[in-house]
Amino acid sequence: MEPTFSHFGICVSDLQRSLRFYCDALGFEKAESHDIGREFAPLMDFPDVVLTSQFIRKGTTAIELLAFTEPAPFGDRERRAVNQLGLTHLSFRVGDLDATAARVVELGGAIVETSRTTIALGETPLRFLYCTDPDGVRVELMDLGA
C-alpha cells in the first residue's frame, strides 16, 4: 500500500477549550473520540498512559487532540520559533482575516500583531497573520483575496 497522510496530533491542556477553538474559530467538526490506556504506552514511549484522543475534521484534514491525564502534559505554552526544527505551524485560508483573528482571541488564542503582513500579487493583496491556539501552537491565517 502506498503511504497516505492520516492526521496531525496536538497535545492540549484543556480538551474542551481546544475543541471550541478549532471548531468555532477554524471550522473543524468534532469526530471520533477514544479513551487511550496502557496498550498505547510502548508506542508513546511511556511506562503507562491515560489520555483522551479526540479527532476533529474539516474536509480531508484531521487533527487529533491529545488530552493527557497520565503522564500530565507539560510545556510553557509559548509559540516556538519558526526556525526551530520540527513542525512550525498550521496554516488556514480564511475569507475575513480580521473577523477570524477576533474569533481566535475570543476563543483563547492570541494574535502575534508584529507578524501582520500584506504582500501585493498583481492587483490582489495577500494578507497574512500568525496567531496561536490556547496552548501556544502557531497558526497562520491567510487571506488570499479572491
Protein backbone atom coordinates (compact mmCIF):
# COMPACT_ATOMS: atom_id res chain seq x y z
CA MET A 1 0.00 0.00 0.00
CA GLU A 2 1.27 3.48 -0.88
CA PRO A 3 1.61 5.71 2.21
CA THR A 4 -1.15 8.30 2.65
CA PHE A 5 -1.39 11.12 5.15
CA SER A 6 -3.60 10.40 8.16
CA HIS A 7 -3.61 13.30 10.68
CA PHE A 8 -1.73 15.80 12.84
CA GLY A 9 -1.58 15.28 16.61
CA ILE A 10 -1.60 18.16 19.09
CA CYS A 11 -1.16 17.77 22.86
CA VAL A 12 -3.65 20.07 24.61
CA SER A 13 -4.01 21.19 28.22
CA ASP A 14 -7.81 21.62 28.15
CA LEU A 15 -9.70 19.47 25.66
CA GLN A 16 -12.97 21.42 25.78
CA ARG A 17 -11.20 24.77 25.27
CA SER A 18 -9.23 23.37 22.32
CA LEU A 19 -12.38 21.88 20.80
CA ARG A 20 -14.09 25.28 20.97
CA PHE A 21 -11.02 26.97 19.47
CA TYR A 22 -10.56 24.65 16.49
CA CYS A 23 -14.27 24.10 15.82
CA ASP A 24 -15.65 27.59 16.43
CA ALA A 25 -12.71 29.67 15.15
CA LEU A 26 -11.43 27.47 12.31
CA GLY A 27 -14.44 25.42 11.23
CA PHE A 28 -13.49 21.90 12.30
CA GLU A 29 -16.12 19.41 13.42
CA LYS A 30 -15.88 17.08 16.37
CA ALA A 31 -15.40 13.49 15.19
CA GLU A 32 -14.44 10.19 16.84
CA SER A 33 -13.08 10.04 20.38
CA HIS A 34 -11.06 7.28 22.05
CA ASP A 35 -10.02 6.60 25.63
CA ILE A 36 -6.38 5.51 25.41
CA GLY A 37 -4.65 3.41 28.05
CA ARG A 38 -1.69 1.18 28.79
CA GLU A 39 -1.92 -0.61 25.41
CA PHE A 40 -0.50 2.54 23.75
CA ALA A 41 2.24 3.15 26.35
CA PRO A 42 5.01 1.43 24.34
CA LEU A 43 4.07 3.36 21.20
CA MET A 44 4.23 6.65 23.10
CA ASP A 45 7.43 5.67 24.97
CA PHE A 46 5.84 5.85 28.45
CA PRO A 47 5.59 3.21 31.20
CA ASP A 48 1.84 3.96 31.41
CA VAL A 49 -0.52 6.34 29.65
CA VAL A 50 -4.07 7.59 30.15
CA LEU A 51 -5.49 10.11 27.71
CA THR A 52 -8.42 11.07 25.54
CA SER A 53 -7.83 11.12 21.81
CA GLN A 54 -10.38 13.46 20.22
CA PHE A 55 -10.38 13.79 16.45
CA ILE A 56 -11.64 16.89 14.68
CA ARG A 57 -12.13 17.05 10.92
CA LYS A 58 -12.55 19.61 8.18
CA GLY A 59 -12.81 18.16 4.70
CA THR A 60 -9.92 15.73 4.30
CA THR A 61 -7.89 17.31 7.12
CA ALA A 62 -7.85 15.59 10.50
CA ILE A 63 -6.31 16.76 13.77
CA GLU A 64 -6.07 14.52 16.82
CA LEU A 65 -6.31 16.50 20.06
CA LEU A 66 -4.47 14.55 22.77
CA ALA A 67 -5.62 15.32 26.32
CA PHE A 68 -3.21 13.53 28.67
CA THR A 69 -4.11 12.57 32.23
CA GLU A 70 -1.07 10.30 32.79
CA PRO A 71 1.61 11.46 32.35
CA ALA A 72 0.46 15.06 32.77
CA PRO A 73 1.07 17.42 29.84
CA PHE A 74 3.90 19.91 30.22
CA GLY A 75 5.36 22.88 28.42
CA ASP A 76 5.39 26.64 28.59
CA ARG A 77 2.57 27.34 26.09
CA GLU A 78 4.81 29.79 24.25
CA ARG A 79 4.90 29.67 20.47
CA ARG A 80 8.01 28.03 19.07
CA ALA A 81 10.39 29.90 16.83
CA VAL A 82 9.56 29.27 13.19
CA ASN A 83 13.16 28.20 12.56
CA GLN A 84 13.13 25.60 15.38
CA LEU A 85 13.39 22.12 13.93
CA GLY A 86 10.13 20.24 13.74
CA LEU A 87 6.59 21.22 12.89
CA THR A 88 6.45 25.02 12.68
CA HIS A 89 2.78 25.91 12.21
CA LEU A 90 -0.67 25.03 10.96
CA SER A 91 -1.95 27.22 8.10
CA PHE A 92 -5.53 28.13 7.17
CA ARG A 93 -7.00 30.11 4.31
CA VAL A 94 -9.70 32.46 5.59
CA GLY A 95 -12.21 34.76 3.90
CA ASP A 96 -12.05 37.53 6.50
CA LEU A 97 -8.70 37.82 8.27
CA ASP A 98 -9.80 40.36 10.88
CA ALA A 99 -13.01 38.54 11.82
CA THR A 100 -11.17 35.21 12.12
CA ALA A 101 -8.42 36.84 14.21
CA ALA A 102 -11.04 38.32 16.55
CA ARG A 103 -12.66 34.89 16.93
CA VAL A 104 -9.24 33.33 17.67
CA VAL A 105 -8.75 35.76 20.58
CA GLU A 106 -12.32 35.27 21.81
CA LEU A 107 -11.72 31.51 21.98
CA GLY A 108 -8.47 31.60 23.95
CA GLY A 109 -5.85 32.10 21.26
CA ALA A 110 -3.50 35.04 20.82
CA ILE A 111 -2.56 37.25 17.89
CA VAL A 112 1.06 38.00 17.02
CA GLU A 113 0.47 41.56 15.78
CA THR A 114 4.07 42.00 14.62
CA SER A 115 3.51 39.22 12.08
CA ARG A 116 0.70 41.04 10.24
CA THR A 117 1.90 41.20 6.62
CA THR A 118 0.39 42.26 3.29
CA ILE A 119 2.03 41.29 0.02
CA ALA A 120 0.73 42.58 -3.32
CA LEU A 121 0.41 39.95 -6.01
CA GLY A 122 -0.63 42.00 -9.04
CA GLU A 123 -3.96 43.59 -8.15
CA THR A 124 -4.63 41.18 -5.29
CA PRO A 125 -3.36 41.94 -1.77
CA LEU A 126 -2.41 38.79 0.12
CA ARG A 127 -2.79 39.23 3.89
CA PHE A 128 -1.10 37.02 6.49
CA LEU A 129 -1.17 36.87 10.27
CA TYR A 130 0.28 34.48 12.82
CA CYS A 131 -1.65 33.63 15.95
CA THR A 132 -1.51 30.82 18.46
CA ASP A 133 -4.00 28.33 19.78
CA PRO A 134 -4.65 28.28 23.57
CA ASP A 135 -1.55 26.11 24.12
CA GLY A 136 0.86 28.16 22.00
CA VAL A 137 0.70 26.21 18.72
CA ARG A 138 1.46 28.64 15.89
CA VAL A 139 -1.44 29.07 13.48
CA GLU A 140 -1.09 31.04 10.23
CA LEU A 141 -4.15 32.78 8.84
CA MET A 142 -4.00 33.63 5.12
CA ASP A 143 -6.50 35.89 3.35
CA LEU A 144 -5.66 35.42 -0.32
CA GLY A 145 -8.11 37.99 -1.64
CA ALA A 146 -10.30 36.24 -4.13
